[in-house]
Amino acid sequence: MLKDGIAMTKFFMWLEEELKTREISEYEIGQKLISFRKEQPLYKDESFAAIVGYKGNGAIIHYTASKEGAAIVKNEGILLVDSGAQYENGTTDITRTVWLGGTPCKEITTAFTSVLKGYIELDQMQFPKGTVGMQLDVFARMHLWKQGLNFPHGTGHGIGSYGMVHEPTQGFAASMTTSRGAVAHQANQLTTIEPGCYKKGSYGIRTENIVLSILKEITEFGEFYGFETITVFPIETQLINKSLLQAHELEWLNAYHKKVFETISPKLKPSEKEWLANKCMKI
């Protein structure tokens, strides 16, 4: 996760600087991200083909930009990047939705903030032994539902360690027809949490981290589990409607960004550290 956080920092810093002087295709952006990951020790390959979706292409959930047909990314609007890598000592999968310039509309900030609230809700959930993915999936959707929004995919999947990026059997899904919905979570599993929101032809939003399931406590009612976020890279704050966040959600976000900065910054150059500090600034 540290390696991936460093690579992502270098990549997004590069992207911001490049877009100041030229337009870049989605395909080139994906290739550049691979090059930054390749610089990290023990890198072997991508864990899947990166999804780099600009504006409306971000609403295509399994989109892959081709070399010839990729959209041209400008210094404006919204960009979704879902990617991951295989290192000899781990597998990564992370999605970040970023704002490239201009002023985001209320529709987008409401959707982005509702997705973030859903992520935090599930990330912070404590639940008894035997709880299955479908029971937990709803917590990632509840704040979207309150806004009349939803997303048409499961909320997360198991992930291997230098193995399958979509590893059975645990996860979060809205149905019991898949293992992700029907299987109980156990301690010491790695799972993604990745709620989203998509509007055809307009935008795609997804926030994804990998979490480790842990034993939180044992009471007279049995064992209770929870999650620990292990992905370390900042979440876009330009797209947050702060008025929609409750105190505990702000506290979670600021604590997460503090952890991100403290984890990654010792491995960065001064200019990269300054960039990261700005992205992790307390709100």
C-alpha atoms as a PDB file:
ATOM      1  CA  MET A   1       0.000   0.000   0.000  1.00  0.00           C
ATOM      2  CA  LEU A   2       2.917   2.352   0.715  1.00  0.00           C
ATOM      3  CA  LYS A   3       4.430   1.641  -2.715  1.00  0.00           C
ATOM      4  CA  ASP A   4       1.106   2.281  -4.403  1.00  0.00           C
ATOM      5  CA  GLY A   5       0.542   5.497  -2.455  1.00  0.00           C
ATOM      6  CA  ILE A   6       3.933   6.803  -3.552  1.00  0.00           C
ATOM      7  CA  ALA A   7       3.274   5.891  -7.193  1.00  0.00           C
ATOM      8  CA  MET A   8      -0.180   7.509  -7.108  1.00  0.00           C
ATOM      9  CA  THR A   9       1.259  10.685  -5.576  1.00  0.00           C
ATOM     10  CA  LYS A  10       3.865  11.000  -8.325  1.00  0.00           C
ATOM     11  CA  PHE A  11       1.252  10.206 -10.977  1.00  0.00           C
ATOM     12  CA  PHE A  12      -1.415  12.724  -9.943  1.00  0.00           C
ATOM     13  CA  MET A  13       1.203  15.391  -9.380  1.00  0.00           C
ATOM     14  CA  TRP A  14       2.474  14.747 -12.934  1.00  0.00           C
ATOM     15  CA  LEU A  15      -1.072  14.854 -14.316  1.00  0.00           C
ATOM     16  CA  GLU A  16      -1.846  18.222 -12.747  1.00  0.00           C
ATOM     17  CA  GLU A  17       1.359  19.749 -14.081  1.00  0.00           C
ATOM     18  CA  GLU A  18       0.954  18.324 -17.591  1.00  0.00           C
ATOM     19  CA  LEU A  19      -2.625  19.538 -17.929  1.00  0.00           C
ATOM     20  CA  LYS A  20      -1.459  23.104 -17.356  1.00  0.00           C
ATOM     21  CA  THR A  21       0.247  23.081 -20.748  1.00  0.00           C
ATOM     22  CA  ARG A  22      -1.418  20.396 -22.895  1.00  0.00           C
ATOM     23  CA  GLU A  23      -4.338  18.008 -23.315  1.00  0.00           C
ATOM     24  CA  ILE A  24      -3.748  14.272 -22.714  1.00  0.00           C
ATOM     25  CA  SER A  25      -5.616  11.179 -23.863  1.00  0.00           C
ATOM     26  CA  GLU A  26      -7.121   8.773 -21.347  1.00  0.00           C
ATOM     27  CA  TYR A  27      -4.904   6.063 -22.840  1.00  0.00           C
ATOM     28  CA  GLU A  28      -1.693   8.030 -22.273  1.00  0.00           C
ATOM     29  CA  ILE A  29      -2.773   8.747 -18.688  1.00  0.00           C
ATOM     30  CA  GLY A  30      -3.202   5.019 -18.038  1.00  0.00           C
ATOM     31  CA  GLN A  31       0.205   4.220 -19.527  1.00  0.00           C
ATOM     32  CA  LYS A  32       1.878   6.915 -17.440  1.00  0.00           C
ATOM     33  CA  LEU A  33       0.351   5.497 -14.269  1.00  0.00           C
ATOM     34  CA  ILE A  34       1.891   2.119 -15.114  1.00  0.00           C
ATOM     35  CA  SER A  35       5.298   3.765 -15.533  1.00  0.00           C
ATOM     36  CA  PHE A  36       5.161   5.292 -12.039  1.00  0.00           C
ATOM     37  CA  ARG A  37       4.194   1.952 -10.497  1.00  0.00           C
ATOM     38  CA  LYS A  38       7.046   0.242 -12.344  1.00  0.00           C
ATOM     39  CA  GLU A  39       9.489   2.450 -10.417  1.00  0.00           C
ATOM     40  CA  GLN A  40       8.437   0.780  -7.153  1.00  0.00           C
ATOM     41  CA  PRO A  41      10.388  -2.212  -5.777  1.00  0.00           C
ATOM     42  CA  LEU A  42       8.891  -5.666  -6.408  1.00  0.00           C
ATOM     43  CA  TYR A  43       6.442  -4.388  -9.035  1.00  0.00           C
ATOM     44  CA  LYS A  44       5.414  -7.141 -11.464  1.00  0.00           C
ATOM     45  CA  ASP A  45       2.366  -6.019 -13.465  1.00  0.00           C
ATOM     46  CA  GLU A  46      -1.013  -4.334 -13.398  1.00  0.00           C
ATOM     47  CA  SER A  47      -3.614  -6.225 -11.372  1.00  0.00           C
ATOM     48  CA  PHE A  48      -6.171  -5.325 -14.075  1.00  0.00           C
ATOM     49  CA  ALA A  49      -6.468  -2.946 -17.018  1.00  0.00           C
ATOM     50  CA  ALA A  50      -6.803   0.563 -15.585  1.00  0.00           C
ATOM     51  CA  ILE A  51     -10.099   2.401 -15.955  1.00  0.00           C
ATOM     52  CA  VAL A  52      -9.374   6.034 -16.848  1.00  0.00           C
ATOM     53  CA  GLY A  53     -12.744   7.629 -17.519  1.00  0.00           C
ATOM     54  CA  TYR A  54     -13.050  11.333 -18.298  1.00  0.00           C
ATOM     55  CA  LYS A  55     -16.432  12.985 -17.715  1.00  0.00           C
ATOM     56  CA  GLY A  56     -19.126  10.722 -19.280  1.00  0.00           C
ATOM     57  CA  ASN A  57     -16.694   7.840 -19.839  1.00  0.00           C
ATOM     58  CA  GLY A  58     -16.409   7.544 -16.068  1.00  0.00           C
ATOM     59  CA  ALA A  59     -20.042   6.414 -16.037  1.00  0.00           C
ATOM     60  CA  ILE A  60     -19.086   3.300 -18.049  1.00  0.00           C
ATOM     61  CA  ILE A  61     -18.311   1.059 -15.103  1.00  0.00           C
ATOM     62  CA  HIS A  62     -15.880  -1.352 -16.842  1.00  0.00           C
ATOM     63  CA  TYR A  63     -14.523   1.164 -19.347  1.00  0.00           C
ATOM     64  CA  THR A  64     -11.072   0.705 -20.863  1.00  0.00           C
ATOM     65  CA  ALA A  65      -9.639   3.483 -23.036  1.00  0.00           C
ATOM     66  CA  SER A  66      -8.229   2.270 -26.357  1.00  0.00           C
ATOM     67  CA  LYS A  67      -5.194   3.919 -27.909  1.00  0.00           C
ATOM     68  CA  GLU A  68      -7.155   5.193 -30.903  1.00  0.00           C
ATOM     69  CA  GLY A  69     -10.570   5.984 -29.415  1.00  0.00           C
ATOM     70  CA  ALA A  70      -9.651   7.473 -26.022  1.00  0.00           C
ATOM     71  CA  ALA A  71     -11.169  10.766 -24.916  1.00  0.00           C
ATOM     72  CA  ILE A  72      -8.921  13.810 -24.621  1.00  0.00           C
ATOM     73  CA  VAL A  73      -8.583  15.040 -21.043  1.00  0.00           C
ATOM     74  CA  LYS A  74      -8.453  18.790 -20.443  1.00  0.00           C
ATOM     75  CA  ASN A  75      -7.713  20.953 -17.426  1.00  0.00           C
ATOM     76  CA  GLU A  76     -11.386  20.928 -16.429  1.00  0.00           C
ATOM     77  CA  GLY A  77     -14.119  18.632 -15.176  1.00  0.00           C
ATOM     78  CA  ILE A  78     -14.131  15.244 -13.530  1.00  0.00           C
ATOM     79  CA  LEU A  79     -11.898  12.193 -13.971  1.00  0.00           C
ATOM     80  CA  LEU A  80     -12.269   8.679 -12.540  1.00  0.00           C
ATOM     81  CA  VAL A  81      -9.170   6.471 -12.238  1.00  0.00           C
ATOM     82  CA  ASP A  82      -9.608   2.868 -11.066  1.00  0.00           C
ATOM     83  CA  SER A  83      -6.350   0.924 -11.137  1.00  0.00           C
ATOM     84  CA  GLY A  84      -4.142  -1.518  -9.315  1.00  0.00           C
ATOM     85  CA  ALA A  85      -0.855  -3.374  -9.371  1.00  0.00           C
ATOM     86  CA  GLN A  86       0.693  -6.719  -8.589  1.00  0.00           C
ATOM     87  CA  TYR A  87       3.746  -6.509  -6.370  1.00  0.00           C
ATOM     88  CA  GLU A  88       5.531  -9.623  -5.170  1.00  0.00           C
ATOM     89  CA  ASN A  89       4.357  -8.781  -1.655  1.00  0.00           C
ATOM     90  CA  GLY A  90       0.820  -7.627  -2.360  1.00  0.00           C
ATOM     91  CA  THR A  91      -2.016  -6.747  -4.715  1.00  0.00           C
ATOM     92  CA  THR A  92      -3.588  -3.291  -4.914  1.00  0.00           C
ATOM     93  CA  ASP A  93      -6.861  -1.861  -6.212  1.00  0.00           C
ATOM     94  CA  ILE A  94      -7.743   1.809  -5.704  1.00  0.00           C
ATOM     95  CA  THR A  95     -10.213   4.241  -7.248  1.00  0.00           C
ATOM     96  CA  ARG A  96     -10.031   8.000  -6.974  1.00  0.00           C
ATOM     97  CA  THR A  97     -12.317  10.549  -8.591  1.00  0.00           C
ATOM     98  CA  VAL A  98     -10.657  13.945  -9.015  1.00  0.00           C
ATOM     99  CA  TRP A  99     -11.654  17.412 -10.163  1.00  0.00           C
ATOM    100  CA  LEU A 100      -9.366  18.883 -12.827  1.00  0.00           C
ATOM    101  CA  GLY A 101     -10.572  22.480 -13.020  1.00  0.00           C
ATOM    102  CA  GLY A 102     -13.537  24.813 -13.071  1.00  0.00           C
ATOM    103  CA  THR A 103     -16.350  24.868 -10.517  1.00  0.00           C
ATOM    104  CA  PRO A 104     -18.167  21.582  -9.827  1.00  0.00           C
ATOM    105  CA  CYS A 105     -21.966  21.791  -9.881  1.00  0.00           C
ATOM    106  CA  LYS A 106     -24.152  20.952  -6.887  1.00  0.00           C
ATOM    107  CA  GLU A 107     -25.324  17.719  -8.530  1.00  0.00           C
ATOM    108  CA  ILE A 108     -21.777  16.370  -8.713  1.00  0.00           C
ATOM    109  CA  THR A 109     -20.720  17.508  -5.227  1.00  0.00           C
ATOM    110  CA  THR A 110     -23.890  16.006  -3.740  1.00  0.00           C
ATOM    111  CA  ALA A 111     -23.256  12.688  -5.474  1.00  0.00           C
ATOM    112  CA  PHE A 112     -19.548  12.661  -4.558  1.00  0.00           C
ATOM    113  CA  THR A 113     -20.236  13.502  -0.920  1.00  0.00           C
ATOM    114  CA  SER A 114     -22.984  10.870  -0.689  1.00  0.00           C
ATOM    115  CA  VAL A 115     -20.552   8.267  -2.060  1.00  0.00           C
ATOM    116  CA  LEU A 116     -17.951   9.343   0.502  1.00  0.00           C
ATOM    117  CA  LYS A 117     -20.485   9.184   3.337  1.00  0.00           C
ATOM    118  CA  GLY A 118     -21.393   5.663   2.256  1.00  0.00           C
ATOM    119  CA  TYR A 119     -17.742   4.656   2.196  1.00  0.00           C
ATOM    120  CA  ILE A 120     -17.201   6.013   5.712  1.00  0.00           C
ATOM    121  CA  GLU A 121     -20.395   4.363   6.980  1.00  0.00           C
ATOM    122  CA  LEU A 122     -19.245   0.902   5.918  1.00  0.00           C
ATOM    123  CA  ASP A 123     -15.600   1.501   6.815  1.00  0.00           C
ATOM    124  CA  GLN A 124     -16.627   2.333  10.387  1.00  0.00           C
ATOM    125  CA  MET A 125     -19.209  -0.436  10.785  1.00  0.00           C
ATOM    126  CA  GLN A 126     -18.948  -2.892  13.706  1.00  0.00           C
ATOM    127  CA  PHE A 127     -20.869  -6.124  13.239  1.00  0.00           C
ATOM    128  CA  PRO A 128     -21.302  -9.541  14.880  1.00  0.00           C
ATOM    129  CA  LYS A 129     -19.673 -12.747  13.707  1.00  0.00           C
ATOM    130  CA  GLY A 130     -21.743 -14.379  10.991  1.00  0.00           C
ATOM    131  CA  THR A 131     -22.762 -11.143   9.276  1.00  0.00           C
ATOM    132  CA  VAL A 132     -22.841 -11.603   5.494  1.00  0.00           C
ATOM    133  CA  GLY A 133     -21.992  -9.189   2.692  1.00  0.00           C
ATOM    134  CA  MET A 134     -25.599  -8.366   1.776  1.00  0.00           C
ATOM    135  CA  GLN A 135     -26.332  -7.212   5.316  1.00  0.00           C
ATOM    136  CA  LEU A 136     -23.403  -4.775   5.158  1.00  0.00           C
ATOM    137  CA  ASP A 137     -23.835  -3.601   1.559  1.00  0.00           C
ATOM    138  CA  VAL A 138     -26.820  -1.409   2.408  1.00  0.00           C
ATOM    139  CA  PHE A 139     -24.751   0.852   4.666  1.00  0.00           C
ATOM    140  CA  ALA A 140     -22.663   2.006   1.689  1.00  0.00           C
ATOM    141  CA  ARG A 141     -25.875   2.951  -0.163  1.00  0.00           C
ATOM    142  CA  MET A 142     -27.976   4.554   2.541  1.00  0.00           C
ATOM    143  CA  HIS A 143     -26.798   8.142   2.050  1.00  0.00           C
ATOM    144  CA  LEU A 144     -27.107   7.821  -1.728  1.00  0.00           C
ATOM    145  CA  TRP A 145     -30.658   6.513  -1.349  1.00  0.00           C
ATOM    146  CA  LYS A 146     -31.549   9.539   0.757  1.00  0.00           C
ATOM    147  CA  GLN A 147     -30.620  11.695  -2.257  1.00  0.00           C
ATOM    148  CA  GLY A 148     -32.492   9.485  -4.730  1.00  0.00           C
ATOM    149  CA  LEU A 149     -29.200   8.015  -6.012  1.00  0.00           C
ATOM    150  CA  ASN A 150     -27.769   4.495  -6.298  1.00  0.00           C
ATOM    151  CA  PHE A 151     -25.118   2.430  -8.103  1.00  0.00           C
ATOM    152  CA  PRO A 152     -25.513  -0.771 -10.168  1.00  0.00           C
ATOM    153  CA  HIS A 153     -22.670  -2.929  -8.855  1.00  0.00           C
ATOM    154  CA  GLY A 154     -21.531  -4.625  -5.670  1.00  0.00           C
ATOM    155  CA  THR A 155     -19.834  -2.526  -3.014  1.00  0.00           C
ATOM    156  CA  GLY A 156     -16.668  -4.572  -2.721  1.00  0.00           C
ATOM    157  CA  HIS A 157     -14.764  -7.790  -3.322  1.00  0.00           C
ATOM    158  CA  GLY A 158     -12.062  -9.880  -1.737  1.00  0.00           C
ATOM    159  CA  ILE A 159      -8.515  -9.229  -2.868  1.00  0.00           C
ATOM    160  CA  GLY A 160      -5.467 -11.489  -2.813  1.00  0.00           C
ATOM    161  CA  SER A 161      -1.858 -10.925  -1.808  1.00  0.00           C
ATOM    162  CA  TYR A 162       0.092 -11.202  -5.078  1.00  0.00           C
ATOM    163  CA  GLY A 163      -2.926 -13.161  -6.222  1.00  0.00           C
ATOM    164  CA  MET A 164      -6.362 -12.531  -7.693  1.00  0.00           C
ATOM    165  CA  VAL A 165      -7.506  -8.917  -7.596  1.00  0.00           C
ATOM    166  CA  HIS A 166     -11.094 -10.204  -7.360  1.00  0.00           C
ATOM    167  CA  GLU A 167     -10.610 -13.031  -4.894  1.00  0.00           C
ATOM    168  CA  PRO A 168     -13.537 -15.081  -3.551  1.00  0.00           C
ATOM    169  CA  THR A 169     -15.415 -15.388  -1.433  1.00  0.00           C
ATOM    170  CA  GLN A 170     -16.174 -12.403   0.813  1.00  0.00           C
ATOM    171  CA  GLY A 171     -17.365  -8.981  -0.292  1.00  0.00           C
ATOM    172  CA  PHE A 172     -20.435  -6.757  -0.324  1.00  0.00           C
ATOM    173  CA  ALA A 173     -23.362  -7.163  -2.715  1.00  0.00           C
ATOM    174  CA  ALA A 174     -27.032  -6.237  -2.805  1.00  0.00           C
ATOM    175  CA  SER A 175     -28.097  -9.859  -3.398  1.00  0.00           C
ATOM    176  CA  MET A 176     -27.537 -13.285  -1.845  1.00  0.00           C
ATOM    177  CA  THR A 177     -27.101 -14.803  -5.321  1.00  0.00           C
ATOM    178  CA  THR A 178     -23.332 -14.223  -5.266  1.00  0.00           C
ATOM    179  CA  SER A 179     -20.776 -15.249  -2.665  1.00  0.00           C
ATOM    180  CA  ARG A 180     -20.051 -11.581  -1.978  1.00  0.00           C
ATOM    181  CA  GLY A 181     -23.570 -11.191  -0.668  1.00  0.00           C
ATOM    182  CA  ALA A 182     -23.998 -14.589   0.985  1.00  0.00           C
ATOM    183  CA  VAL A 183     -20.666 -15.272   2.732  1.00  0.00           C
ATOM    184  CA  ALA A 184     -19.928 -14.146   6.291  1.00  0.00           C
ATOM    185  CA  HIS A 185     -16.950 -11.856   6.878  1.00  0.00           C
ATOM    186  CA  GLN A 186     -14.116 -13.160   9.027  1.00  0.00           C
ATOM    187  CA  ALA A 187     -11.114 -11.545  10.663  1.00  0.00           C
ATOM    188  CA  ASN A 188      -7.869 -11.029   8.705  1.00  0.00           C
ATOM    189  CA  GLN A 189      -9.442 -10.789   5.257  1.00  0.00           C
ATOM    190  CA  LEU A 190      -8.702  -8.079   2.702  1.00  0.00           C
ATOM    191  CA  THR A 191     -11.730  -6.571   0.975  1.00  0.00           C
ATOM    192  CA  THR A 192     -12.417  -3.472  -1.108  1.00  0.00           C
ATOM    193  CA  ILE A 193     -15.071  -0.896  -0.246  1.00  0.00           C
ATOM    194  CA  GLU A 194     -16.051   0.965  -3.420  1.00  0.00           C
ATOM    195  CA  PRO A 195     -19.417   2.724  -3.595  1.00  0.00           C
ATOM    196  CA  GLY A 196     -20.093   4.917  -6.611  1.00  0.00           C
ATOM    197  CA  CYS A 197     -22.582   7.001  -8.546  1.00  0.00           C
ATOM    198  CA  TYR A 198     -22.873   7.290 -12.327  1.00  0.00           C
ATOM    199  CA  LYS A 199     -24.808   9.517 -14.707  1.00  0.00           C
ATOM    200  CA  LYS A 200     -24.728   8.388 -18.333  1.00  0.00           C
ATOM    201  CA  GLY A 201     -22.926  10.827 -20.584  1.00  0.00           C
ATOM    202  CA  SER A 202     -22.036  13.137 -17.702  1.00  0.00           C
ATOM    203  CA  TYR A 203     -19.896  11.731 -14.881  1.00  0.00           C
ATOM    204  CA  GLY A 204     -18.695   8.692 -12.985  1.00  0.00           C
ATOM    205  CA  ILE A 205     -17.819   8.802  -9.288  1.00  0.00           C
ATOM    206  CA  ARG A 206     -16.253   6.023  -7.231  1.00  0.00           C
ATOM    207  CA  THR A 207     -14.148   5.998  -4.065  1.00  0.00           C
ATOM    208  CA  GLU A 208     -12.339   2.744  -3.336  1.00  0.00           C
ATOM    209  CA  ASN A 209      -9.967   1.609  -0.606  1.00  0.00           C
ATOM    210  CA  ILE A 210      -8.816  -1.787   0.597  1.00  0.00           C
ATOM    211  CA  VAL A 211      -9.709  -2.645   4.183  1.00  0.00           C
ATOM    212  CA  LEU A 212      -8.518  -5.341   6.546  1.00  0.00           C
ATOM    213  CA  SER A 213     -11.195  -7.042   8.639  1.00  0.00           C
ATOM    214  CA  ILE A 214     -10.251  -7.205  12.312  1.00  0.00           C
ATOM    215  CA  LEU A 215     -11.651  -8.528  15.560  1.00  0.00           C
ATOM    216  CA  LYS A 216     -12.855  -5.415  17.419  1.00  0.00           C
ATOM    217  CA  GLU A 217     -14.132  -6.868  20.664  1.00  0.00           C
ATOM    218  CA  ILE A 218     -15.667  -9.874  22.392  1.00  0.00           C
ATOM    219  CA  THR A 219     -18.718  -9.268  24.554  1.00  0.00           C
ATOM    220  CA  GLU A 220     -21.330 -11.467  26.195  1.00  0.00           C
ATOM    221  CA  PHE A 221     -23.099 -11.283  22.800  1.00  0.00           C
ATOM    222  CA  GLY A 222     -20.149 -12.779  20.960  1.00  0.00           C
ATOM    223  CA  GLU A 223     -17.356 -11.650  18.633  1.00  0.00           C
ATOM    224  CA  PHE A 224     -17.654  -8.330  16.806  1.00  0.00           C
ATOM    225  CA  TYR A 225     -15.642  -7.421  13.726  1.00  0.00           C
ATOM    226  CA  GLY A 226     -14.784  -4.197  11.945  1.00  0.00           C
ATOM    227  CA  PHE A 227     -12.443  -2.804   9.293  1.00  0.00           C
ATOM    228  CA  GLU A 228      -9.107  -1.019   9.161  1.00  0.00           C
ATOM    229  CA  THR A 229      -8.323   1.019   6.023  1.00  0.00           C
ATOM    230  CA  ILE A 230      -4.907   0.125   4.625  1.00  0.00           C
ATOM    231  CA  THR A 231      -4.943   2.061   1.308  1.00  0.00           C
ATOM    232  CA  VAL A 232      -2.986   5.293   1.718  1.00  0.00           C
ATOM    233  CA  PHE A 233      -3.773   8.037  -0.783  1.00  0.00           C
ATOM    234  CA  PRO A 234      -5.827  11.221  -0.328  1.00  0.00           C
ATOM    235  CA  ILE A 235      -9.480  11.602  -1.269  1.00  0.00           C
ATOM    236  CA  GLU A 236     -10.429  14.590  -3.442  1.00  0.00           C
ATOM    237  CA  THR A 237     -11.689  17.408  -1.185  1.00  0.00           C
ATOM    238  CA  GLN A 238     -12.634  19.840  -3.988  1.00  0.00           C
ATOM    239  CA  LEU A 239     -15.710  17.704  -4.681  1.00  0.00           C
ATOM    240  CA  ILE A 240     -16.955  17.575  -1.093  1.00  0.00           C
ATOM    241  CA  ASN A 241     -20.075  19.461  -0.040  1.00  0.00           C
ATOM    242  CA  LYS A 242     -19.000  20.025   3.540  1.00  0.00           C
ATOM    243  CA  SER A 243     -22.531  20.963   4.631  1.00  0.00           C
ATOM    244  CA  LEU A 244     -23.588  17.340   4.019  1.00  0.00           C
ATOM    245  CA  LEU A 245     -20.910  15.881   6.307  1.00  0.00           C
ATOM    246  CA  GLN A 246     -21.539  15.167   9.967  1.00  0.00           C
ATOM    247  CA  ALA A 247     -18.911  15.778  12.634  1.00  0.00           C
ATOM    248  CA  HIS A 248     -17.833  12.131  12.858  1.00  0.00           C
ATOM    249  CA  GLU A 249     -17.422  11.971   9.059  1.00  0.00           C
ATOM    250  CA  LEU A 250     -15.204  15.046   9.024  1.00  0.00           C
ATOM    251  CA  GLU A 251     -13.234  13.529  11.881  1.00  0.00           C
ATOM    252  CA  TRP A 252     -12.769  10.298   9.915  1.00  0.00           C
ATOM    253  CA  LEU A 253     -11.635  12.141   6.771  1.00  0.00           C
ATOM    254  CA  ASN A 254      -9.144  14.345   8.602  1.00  0.00           C
ATOM    255  CA  ALA A 255      -7.751  11.387  10.544  1.00  0.00           C
ATOM    256  CA  TYR A 256      -7.417   9.388   7.326  1.00  0.00           C
ATOM    257  CA  HIS A 257      -5.550  12.192   5.587  1.00  0.00           C
ATOM    258  CA  LYS A 258      -3.257  12.581   8.601  1.00  0.00           C
ATOM    259  CA  LYS A 259      -2.445   8.864   8.335  1.00  0.00           C
ATOM    260  CA  VAL A 260      -1.851   9.157   4.571  1.00  0.00           C
ATOM    261  CA  PHE A 261       0.577  12.047   4.970  1.00  0.00           C
ATOM    262  CA  GLU A 262       2.477  10.481   7.853  1.00  0.00           C
ATOM    263  CA  THR A 263       2.803   7.190   5.949  1.00  0.00           C
ATOM    264  CA  ILE A 264       3.834   8.440   2.511  1.00  0.00           C
ATOM    265  CA  SER A 265       5.632  11.764   3.078  1.00  0.00           C
ATOM    266  CA  PRO A 266       8.899  10.351   4.520  1.00  0.00           C
ATOM    267  CA  LYS A 267       9.468   8.612   1.145  1.00  0.00           C
ATOM    268  CA  LEU A 268       8.859  11.687  -1.031  1.00  0.00           C
ATOM    269  CA  LYS A 269      10.939  14.539  -2.453  1.00  0.00           C
ATOM    270  CA  PRO A 270      10.274  18.008  -0.933  1.00  0.00           C
ATOM    271  CA  SER A 271       8.080  19.129  -3.874  1.00  0.00           C
ATOM    272  CA  GLU A 272       6.066  15.910  -3.697  1.00  0.00           C
ATOM    273  CA  LYS A 273       5.722  16.248   0.052  1.00  0.00           C
ATOM    274  CA  GLU A 274       4.382  19.791  -0.386  1.00  0.00           C
ATOM    275  CA  TRP A 275       1.849  18.584  -2.971  1.00  0.00           C
ATOM    276  CA  LEU A 276       0.691  15.784  -0.672  1.00  0.00           C
ATOM    277  CA  ALA A 277       0.398  18.130   2.316  1.00  0.00           C
ATOM    278  CA  ASN A 278      -1.974  20.318   0.303  1.00  0.00           C
ATOM    279  CA  LYS A 279      -4.105  17.294  -0.664  1.00  0.00           C
ATOM    280  CA  CYS A 280      -4.202  16.087   2.949  1.00  0.00           C
ATOM    281  CA  MET A 281      -5.026  19.476   4.436  1.00  0.00           C
ATOM    282  CA  LYS A 282      -7.552  19.386   7.255  1.00  0.00           C
ATOM    283  CA  ILE A 283     -11.047  20.541   6.354  1.00  0.00           C
END
